[in-house]
Amino acid sequence: MLYCFPRQRRDDPDRALVSTDADERRLYKFALQYEMDGKSWATDIWAYSCKDAEDRVAAMRRSLTMCGQLYAEVEADAPTHL
């Protein structure tokens, strides 16, 4: 189960941790943690809510696969129509 940290001193996350999708719905960055070889590792995902993040983690447990090593990243806007 994904634990959503309580908001204590602020009502909104930093700008860099909020995005919008093609339909202008807000996405939030969530931290994930896992154990491997006796060590703790972390990554992050974008989701619409804590519940959505939990659903995404459940989907990853069912179907996550490794696609390959990344060699570069290019910033680009998402297409507005296909």
PDB file of N, CA and C in Angstrom:
ATOM      1  N   MET A   1       0.840  -1.174   0.000  1.00  0.00           N
ATOM      2  CA  MET A   1       0.000   0.000   0.000  1.00  0.00           C
ATOM      3  C   MET A   1       0.892   1.247   0.000  1.00  0.00           C
ATOM      4  N   LEU A   2       0.544   2.215  -0.788  1.00  0.00           N
ATOM      5  CA  LEU A   2       1.275   3.474  -0.877  1.00  0.00           C
ATOM      6  C   LEU A   2       0.818   4.384   0.240  1.00  0.00           C
ATOM      7  N   TYR A   3       1.756   4.975   0.968  1.00  0.00           N
ATOM      8  CA  TYR A   3       1.425   5.893   2.045  1.00  0.00           C
ATOM      9  C   TYR A   3       1.544   7.312   1.528  1.00  0.00           C
ATOM     10  N   CYS A   4       0.483   8.079   1.648  1.00  0.00           N
ATOM     11  CA  CYS A   4       0.523   9.483   1.245  1.00  0.00           C
ATOM     12  C   CYS A   4       0.873  10.327   2.456  1.00  0.00           C
ATOM     13  N   PHE A   5       1.967  11.042   2.361  1.00  0.00           N
ATOM     14  CA  PHE A   5       2.416  11.873   3.465  1.00  0.00           C
ATOM     15  C   PHE A   5       1.370  12.936   3.778  1.00  0.00           C
ATOM     16  N   PRO A   6       1.114  13.187   5.049  1.00  0.00           N
ATOM     17  CA  PRO A   6       0.144  14.237   5.395  1.00  0.00           C
ATOM     18  C   PRO A   6       0.710  15.615   5.087  1.00  0.00           C
ATOM     19  N   ARG A   7      -0.158  16.492   4.702  1.00  0.00           N
ATOM     20  CA  ARG A   7       0.251  17.884   4.488  1.00  0.00           C
ATOM     21  C   ARG A   7       0.291  18.552   5.840  1.00  0.00           C
ATOM     22  N   GLN A   8       1.415  19.171   6.165  1.00  0.00           N
ATOM     23  CA  GLN A   8       1.528  19.751   7.495  1.00  0.00           C
ATOM     24  C   GLN A   8       1.579  21.272   7.470  1.00  0.00           C
ATOM     25  N   ARG A   9       2.491  21.836   6.762  1.00  0.00           N
ATOM     26  CA  ARG A   9       2.654  23.290   6.811  1.00  0.00           C
ATOM     27  C   ARG A   9       2.171  23.978   5.547  1.00  0.00           C
ATOM     28  N   ARG A  10       1.812  23.217   4.525  1.00  0.00           N
ATOM     29  CA  ARG A  10       1.479  23.821   3.247  1.00  0.00           C
ATOM     30  C   ARG A  10       0.254  23.151   2.660  1.00  0.00           C
ATOM     31  N   ASP A  11      -0.440  23.887   1.824  1.00  0.00           N
ATOM     32  CA  ASP A  11      -1.618  23.327   1.172  1.00  0.00           C
ATOM     33  C   ASP A  11      -1.315  22.774  -0.208  1.00  0.00           C
ATOM     34  N   ASP A  12      -0.246  23.231  -0.827  1.00  0.00           N
ATOM     35  CA  ASP A  12       0.077  22.801  -2.180  1.00  0.00           C
ATOM     36  C   ASP A  12       1.534  22.383  -2.284  1.00  0.00           C
ATOM     37  N   PRO A  13       1.816  21.349  -3.095  1.00  0.00           N
ATOM     38  CA  PRO A  13       3.211  20.955  -3.313  1.00  0.00           C
ATOM     39  C   PRO A  13       3.944  22.000  -4.162  1.00  0.00           C
ATOM     40  N   ASP A  14       5.262  21.933  -4.141  1.00  0.00           N
ATOM     41  CA  ASP A  14       6.069  22.803  -4.993  1.00  0.00           C
ATOM     42  C   ASP A  14       5.639  22.647  -6.444  1.00  0.00           C
ATOM     43  N   ARG A  15       5.792  23.705  -7.218  1.00  0.00           N
ATOM     44  CA  ARG A  15       5.415  23.714  -8.636  1.00  0.00           C
ATOM     45  C   ARG A  15       6.023  22.568  -9.434  1.00  0.00           C
ATOM     46  N   ALA A  16       7.276  22.232  -9.143  1.00  0.00           N
ATOM     47  CA  ALA A  16       7.972  21.181  -9.888  1.00  0.00           C
ATOM     48  C   ALA A  16       7.365  19.803  -9.635  1.00  0.00           C
ATOM     49  N   LEU A  17       6.533  19.686  -8.618  1.00  0.00           N
ATOM     50  CA  LEU A  17       5.931  18.407  -8.269  1.00  0.00           C
ATOM     51  C   LEU A  17       4.471  18.320  -8.694  1.00  0.00           C
ATOM     52  N   VAL A  18       4.037  19.296  -9.499  1.00  0.00           N
ATOM     53  CA  VAL A  18       2.677  19.315 -10.037  1.00  0.00           C
ATOM     54  C   VAL A  18       2.779  19.532 -11.537  1.00  0.00           C
ATOM     55  N   SER A  19       1.989  18.785 -12.284  1.00  0.00           N
ATOM     56  CA  SER A  19       1.963  18.918 -13.740  1.00  0.00           C
ATOM     57  C   SER A  19       0.513  18.835 -14.190  1.00  0.00           C
ATOM     58  N   THR A  20       0.287  18.950 -15.468  1.00  0.00           N
ATOM     59  CA  THR A  20      -1.063  18.755 -16.009  1.00  0.00           C
ATOM     60  C   THR A  20      -0.988  17.823 -17.202  1.00  0.00           C
ATOM     61  N   ASP A  21      -2.077  17.087 -17.420  1.00  0.00           N
ATOM     62  CA  ASP A  21      -2.130  16.196 -18.572  1.00  0.00           C
ATOM     63  C   ASP A  21      -2.713  16.947 -19.770  1.00  0.00           C
ATOM     64  N   ALA A  22      -2.938  16.237 -20.854  1.00  0.00           N
ATOM     65  CA  ALA A  22      -3.449  16.859 -22.083  1.00  0.00           C
ATOM     66  C   ALA A  22      -4.837  17.450 -21.894  1.00  0.00           C
ATOM     67  N   ASP A  23      -5.579  16.956 -20.894  1.00  0.00           N
ATOM     68  CA  ASP A  23      -6.915  17.481 -20.601  1.00  0.00           C
ATOM     69  C   ASP A  23      -6.894  18.537 -19.498  1.00  0.00           C
ATOM     70  N   GLU A  24      -5.695  19.019 -19.149  1.00  0.00           N
ATOM     71  CA  GLU A  24      -5.499  20.036 -18.118  1.00  0.00           C
ATOM     72  C   GLU A  24      -5.872  19.557 -16.710  1.00  0.00           C
ATOM     73  N   ARG A  25      -5.869  18.245 -16.479  1.00  0.00           N
ATOM     74  CA  ARG A  25      -6.085  17.707 -15.132  1.00  0.00           C
ATOM     75  C   ARG A  25      -4.756  17.709 -14.400  1.00  0.00           C
ATOM     76  N   ARG A  26      -4.789  18.028 -13.118  1.00  0.00           N
ATOM     77  CA  ARG A  26      -3.540  18.112 -12.342  1.00  0.00           C
ATOM     78  C   ARG A  26      -3.001  16.729 -12.007  1.00  0.00           C
ATOM     79  N   LEU A  27      -1.693  16.583 -12.173  1.00  0.00           N
ATOM     80  CA  LEU A  27      -0.953  15.382 -11.791  1.00  0.00           C
ATOM     81  C   LEU A  27       0.021  15.758 -10.691  1.00  0.00           C
ATOM     82  N   TYR A  28       0.242  14.828  -9.776  1.00  0.00           N
ATOM     83  CA  TYR A  28       1.143  15.064  -8.657  1.00  0.00           C
ATOM     84  C   TYR A  28       2.220  13.984  -8.637  1.00  0.00           C
ATOM     85  N   LYS A  29       3.412  14.333  -8.193  1.00  0.00           N
ATOM     86  CA  LYS A  29       4.516  13.377  -8.123  1.00  0.00           C
ATOM     87  C   LYS A  29       4.459  12.638  -6.786  1.00  0.00           C
ATOM     88  N   PHE A  30       4.536  11.309  -6.838  1.00  0.00           N
ATOM     89  CA  PHE A  30       4.500  10.452  -5.654  1.00  0.00           C
ATOM     90  C   PHE A  30       5.797   9.659  -5.553  1.00  0.00           C
ATOM     91  N   ALA A  31       6.294   9.501  -4.338  1.00  0.00           N
ATOM     92  CA  ALA A  31       7.501   8.728  -4.083  1.00  0.00           C
ATOM     93  C   ALA A  31       7.140   7.259  -3.873  1.00  0.00           C
ATOM     94  N   LEU A  32       7.947   6.366  -4.440  1.00  0.00           N
ATOM     95  CA  LEU A  32       7.791   4.926  -4.254  1.00  0.00           C
ATOM     96  C   LEU A  32       9.087   4.386  -3.668  1.00  0.00           C
ATOM     97  N   GLN A  33       8.987   3.363  -2.855  1.00  0.00           N
ATOM     98  CA  GLN A  33      10.171   2.749  -2.257  1.00  0.00           C
ATOM     99  C   GLN A  33      10.039   1.234  -2.340  1.00  0.00           C
ATOM    100  N   TYR A  34      11.176   0.558  -2.552  1.00  0.00           N
ATOM    101  CA  TYR A  34      11.190  -0.904  -2.576  1.00  0.00           C
ATOM    102  C   TYR A  34      12.508  -1.408  -2.006  1.00  0.00           C
ATOM    103  N   GLU A  35      12.507  -2.667  -1.611  1.00  0.00           N
ATOM    104  CA  GLU A  35      13.692  -3.300  -1.041  1.00  0.00           C
ATOM    105  C   GLU A  35      14.271  -4.277  -2.058  1.00  0.00           C
ATOM    106  N   MET A  36      15.599  -4.302  -2.158  1.00  0.00           N
ATOM    107  CA  MET A  36      16.274  -5.251  -3.039  1.00  0.00           C
ATOM    108  C   MET A  36      17.686  -5.475  -2.513  1.00  0.00           C
ATOM    109  N   ASP A  37      18.061  -6.731  -2.383  1.00  0.00           N
ATOM    110  CA  ASP A  37      19.406  -7.092  -1.911  1.00  0.00           C
ATOM    111  C   ASP A  37      19.758  -6.421  -0.585  1.00  0.00           C
ATOM    112  N   GLY A  38      18.772  -6.329   0.312  1.00  0.00           N
ATOM    113  CA  GLY A  38      19.002  -5.764   1.627  1.00  0.00           C
ATOM    114  C   GLY A  38      19.124  -4.250   1.664  1.00  0.00           C
ATOM    115  N   LYS A  39      18.850  -3.600   0.541  1.00  0.00           N
ATOM    116  CA  LYS A  39      18.937  -2.138   0.473  1.00  0.00           C
ATOM    117  C   LYS A  39      17.581  -1.568   0.090  1.00  0.00           C
ATOM    118  N   SER A  40      17.385  -0.320   0.448  1.00  0.00           N
ATOM    119  CA  SER A  40      16.157   0.399   0.121  1.00  0.00           C
ATOM    120  C   SER A  40      16.414   1.262  -1.114  1.00  0.00           C
ATOM    121  N   TRP A  41      15.526   1.198  -2.083  1.00  0.00           N
ATOM    122  CA  TRP A  41      15.636   1.968  -3.318  1.00  0.00           C
ATOM    123  C   TRP A  41      14.376   2.806  -3.484  1.00  0.00           C
ATOM    124  N   ALA A  42      14.439   3.829  -4.325  1.00  0.00           N
ATOM    125  CA  ALA A  42      13.282   4.696  -4.517  1.00  0.00           C
ATOM    126  C   ALA A  42      13.162   5.131  -5.967  1.00  0.00           C
ATOM    127  N   THR A  43      11.948   5.461  -6.336  1.00  0.00           N
ATOM    128  CA  THR A  43      11.647   6.035  -7.641  1.00  0.00           C
ATOM    129  C   THR A  43      10.404   6.901  -7.468  1.00  0.00           C
ATOM    130  N   ASP A  44       9.890   7.452  -8.534  1.00  0.00           N
ATOM    131  CA  ASP A  44       8.678   8.262  -8.423  1.00  0.00           C
ATOM    132  C   ASP A  44       7.776   8.039  -9.621  1.00  0.00           C
ATOM    133  N   ILE A  45       6.511   8.407  -9.451  1.00  0.00           N
ATOM    134  CA  ILE A  45       5.526   8.328 -10.529  1.00  0.00           C
ATOM    135  C   ILE A  45       4.647   9.576 -10.467  1.00  0.00           C
ATOM    136  N   TRP A  46       3.956   9.837 -11.554  1.00  0.00           N
ATOM    137  CA  TRP A  46       2.956  10.893 -11.607  1.00  0.00           C
ATOM    138  C   TRP A  46       1.587  10.238 -11.507  1.00  0.00           C
ATOM    139  N   ALA A  47       0.690  10.828 -10.715  1.00  0.00           N
ATOM    140  CA  ALA A  47      -0.670  10.300 -10.555  1.00  0.00           C
ATOM    141  C   ALA A  47      -1.610  11.456 -10.219  1.00  0.00           C
ATOM    142  N   TYR A  48      -2.905  11.202 -10.394  1.00  0.00           N
ATOM    143  CA  TYR A  48      -3.915  12.232 -10.151  1.00  0.00           C
ATOM    144  C   TYR A  48      -4.255  12.401  -8.673  1.00  0.00           C
ATOM    145  N   SER A  49      -4.041  11.358  -7.880  1.00  0.00           N
ATOM    146  CA  SER A  49      -4.386  11.380  -6.458  1.00  0.00           C
ATOM    147  C   SER A  49      -3.647  10.241  -5.767  1.00  0.00           C
ATOM    148  N   CYS A  50      -3.752  10.191  -4.452  1.00  0.00           N
ATOM    149  CA  CYS A  50      -3.141   9.088  -3.710  1.00  0.00           C
ATOM    150  C   CYS A  50      -3.766   7.761  -4.148  1.00  0.00           C
ATOM    151  N   LYS A  51      -5.081   7.729  -4.323  1.00  0.00           N
ATOM    152  CA  LYS A  51      -5.770   6.507  -4.761  1.00  0.00           C
ATOM    153  C   LYS A  51      -5.288   6.092  -6.150  1.00  0.00           C
ATOM    154  N   ASP A  52      -5.150   7.040  -7.052  1.00  0.00           N
ATOM    155  CA  ASP A  52      -4.647   6.745  -8.392  1.00  0.00           C
ATOM    156  C   ASP A  52      -3.224   6.199  -8.321  1.00  0.00           C
ATOM    157  N   ALA A  53      -2.389   6.777  -7.443  1.00  0.00           N
ATOM    158  CA  ALA A  53      -1.014   6.277  -7.278  1.00  0.00           C
ATOM    159  C   ALA A  53      -1.040   4.834  -6.772  1.00  0.00           C
ATOM    160  N   GLU A  54      -1.906   4.530  -5.815  1.00  0.00           N
ATOM    161  CA  GLU A  54      -2.027   3.160  -5.312  1.00  0.00           C
ATOM    162  C   GLU A  54      -2.455   2.206  -6.430  1.00  0.00           C
ATOM    163  N   ASP A  55      -3.410   2.642  -7.260  1.00  0.00           N
ATOM    164  CA  ASP A  55      -3.865   1.817  -8.387  1.00  0.00           C
ATOM    165  C   ASP A  55      -2.740   1.582  -9.388  1.00  0.00           C
ATOM    166  N   ARG A  56      -1.926   2.593  -9.628  1.00  0.00           N
ATOM    167  CA  ARG A  56      -0.798   2.449 -10.554  1.00  0.00           C
ATOM    168  C   ARG A  56       0.239   1.466 -10.011  1.00  0.00           C
ATOM    169  N   VAL A  57       0.510   1.535  -8.700  1.00  0.00           N
ATOM    170  CA  VAL A  57       1.443   0.588  -8.092  1.00  0.00           C
ATOM    171  C   VAL A  57       0.894  -0.829  -8.215  1.00  0.00           C
ATOM    172  N   ALA A  58      -0.400  -1.014  -7.985  1.00  0.00           N
ATOM    173  CA  ALA A  58      -1.024  -2.341  -8.130  1.00  0.00           C
ATOM    174  C   ALA A  58      -0.885  -2.837  -9.565  1.00  0.00           C
ATOM    175  N   ALA A  59      -1.091  -1.956 -10.543  1.00  0.00           N
ATOM    176  CA  ALA A  59      -0.939  -2.342 -11.944  1.00  0.00           C
ATOM    177  C   ALA A  59       0.509  -2.719 -12.245  1.00  0.00           C
ATOM    178  N   MET A  60       1.458  -1.997 -11.650  1.00  0.00           N
ATOM    179  CA  MET A  60       2.881  -2.330 -11.839  1.00  0.00           C
ATOM    180  C   MET A  60       3.181  -3.714 -11.284  1.00  0.00           C
ATOM    181  N   ARG A  61       2.613  -4.025 -10.123  1.00  0.00           N
ATOM    182  CA  ARG A  61       2.844  -5.352  -9.534  1.00  0.00           C
ATOM    183  C   ARG A  61       2.367  -6.459 -10.484  1.00  0.00           C
ATOM    184  N   ARG A  62       1.305  -6.184 -11.219  1.00  0.00           N
ATOM    185  CA  ARG A  62       0.750  -7.186 -12.138  1.00  0.00           C
ATOM    186  C   ARG A  62       1.486  -7.258 -13.467  1.00  0.00           C
ATOM    187  N   SER A  63       2.000  -6.133 -13.953  1.00  0.00           N
ATOM    188  CA  SER A  63       2.429  -6.138 -15.350  1.00  0.00           C
ATOM    189  C   SER A  63       3.738  -5.413 -15.674  1.00  0.00           C
ATOM    190  N   LEU A  64       4.479  -4.947 -14.704  1.00  0.00           N
ATOM    191  CA  LEU A  64       5.696  -4.178 -14.968  1.00  0.00           C
ATOM    192  C   LEU A  64       6.753  -5.032 -15.681  1.00  0.00           C
ATOM    193  N   THR A  65       7.326  -4.482 -16.723  1.00  0.00           N
ATOM    194  CA  THR A  65       8.433  -5.142 -17.426  1.00  0.00           C
ATOM    195  C   THR A  65       9.517  -4.110 -17.708  1.00  0.00           C
ATOM    196  N   MET A  66      10.730  -4.580 -17.877  1.00  0.00           N
ATOM    197  CA  MET A  66      11.847  -3.709 -18.200  1.00  0.00           C
ATOM    198  C   MET A  66      11.919  -3.580 -19.723  1.00  0.00           C
ATOM    199  N   CYS A  67      11.953  -2.350 -20.207  1.00  0.00           N
ATOM    200  CA  CYS A  67      11.966  -2.114 -21.654  1.00  0.00           C
ATOM    201  C   CYS A  67      13.373  -1.978 -22.209  1.00  0.00           C
ATOM    202  N   GLY A  68      14.315  -1.519 -21.425  1.00  0.00           N
ATOM    203  CA  GLY A  68      15.682  -1.343 -21.891  1.00  0.00           C
ATOM    204  C   GLY A  68      16.333  -0.148 -21.239  1.00  0.00           C
ATOM    205  N   GLN A  69      17.628  -0.037 -21.431  1.00  0.00           N
ATOM    206  CA  GLN A  69      18.397   1.065 -20.861  1.00  0.00           C
ATOM    207  C   GLN A  69      18.123   2.347 -21.621  1.00  0.00           C
ATOM    208  N   LEU A  70      18.022   3.460 -20.897  1.00  0.00           N
ATOM    209  CA  LEU A  70      17.847   4.771 -21.520  1.00  0.00           C
ATOM    210  C   LEU A  70      19.217   5.391 -21.765  1.00  0.00           C
ATOM    211  N   TYR A  71      19.377   6.043 -22.895  1.00  0.00           N
ATOM    212  CA  TYR A  71      20.635   6.685 -23.239  1.00  0.00           C
ATOM    213  C   TYR A  71      20.530   8.202 -23.349  1.00  0.00           C
ATOM    214  N   ALA A  72      19.309   8.717 -23.431  1.00  0.00           N
ATOM    215  CA  ALA A  72      19.114  10.165 -23.505  1.00  0.00           C
ATOM    216  C   ALA A  72      17.657  10.476 -23.200  1.00  0.00           C
ATOM    217  N   GLU A  73      17.424  11.699 -22.788  1.00  0.00           N
ATOM    218  CA  GLU A  73      16.067  12.196 -22.583  1.00  0.00           C
ATOM    219  C   GLU A  73      15.932  13.503 -23.334  1.00  0.00           C
ATOM    220  N   VAL A  74      14.803  13.692 -23.962  1.00  0.00           N
ATOM    221  CA  VAL A  74      14.539  14.907 -24.710  1.00  0.00           C
ATOM    222  C   VAL A  74      13.236  15.497 -24.195  1.00  0.00           C
ATOM    223  N   GLU A  75      13.254  16.741 -23.790  1.00  0.00           N
ATOM    224  CA  GLU A  75      12.038  17.429 -23.327  1.00  0.00           C
ATOM    225  C   GLU A  75      11.177  17.743 -24.544  1.00  0.00           C
ATOM    226  N   ALA A  76       9.903  17.429 -24.441  1.00  0.00           N
ATOM    227  CA  ALA A  76       8.973  17.732 -25.520  1.00  0.00           C
ATOM    228  C   ALA A  76       7.579  17.882 -24.937  1.00  0.00           C
ATOM    229  N   ASP A  77       6.764  18.688 -25.572  1.00  0.00           N
ATOM    230  CA  ASP A  77       5.372  18.812 -25.161  1.00  0.00           C
ATOM    231  C   ASP A  77       4.607  17.586 -25.641  1.00  0.00           C
ATOM    232  N   ALA A  78       3.645  17.159 -24.832  1.00  0.00           N
ATOM    233  CA  ALA A  78       2.798  16.033 -25.238  1.00  0.00           C
ATOM    234  C   ALA A  78       1.921  16.473 -26.408  1.00  0.00           C
ATOM    235  N   PRO A  79       1.628  15.564 -27.319  1.00  0.00           N
ATOM    236  CA  PRO A  79       0.760  15.929 -28.435  1.00  0.00           C
ATOM    237  C   PRO A  79      -0.632  16.289 -27.928  1.00  0.00           C
ATOM    238  N   THR A  80      -1.238  17.300 -28.542  1.00  0.00           N
ATOM    239  CA  THR A  80      -2.585  17.710 -28.119  1.00  0.00           C
ATOM    240  C   THR A  80      -3.660  16.926 -28.860  1.00  0.00           C
ATOM    241  N   HIS A  81      -3.289  16.304 -29.967  1.00  0.00           N
ATOM    242  CA  HIS A  81      -4.232  15.453 -30.702  1.00  0.00           C
ATOM    243  C   HIS A  81      -3.430  14.431 -31.507  1.00  0.00           C
ATOM    244  N   LEU A  82      -4.067  13.352 -31.804  1.00  0.00           N
ATOM    245  CA  LEU A  82      -3.389  12.310 -32.591  1.00  0.00           C
ATOM    246  C   LEU A  82      -4.034  12.137 -33.929  1.00  0.00           C
TER     247      LEU A  82
END
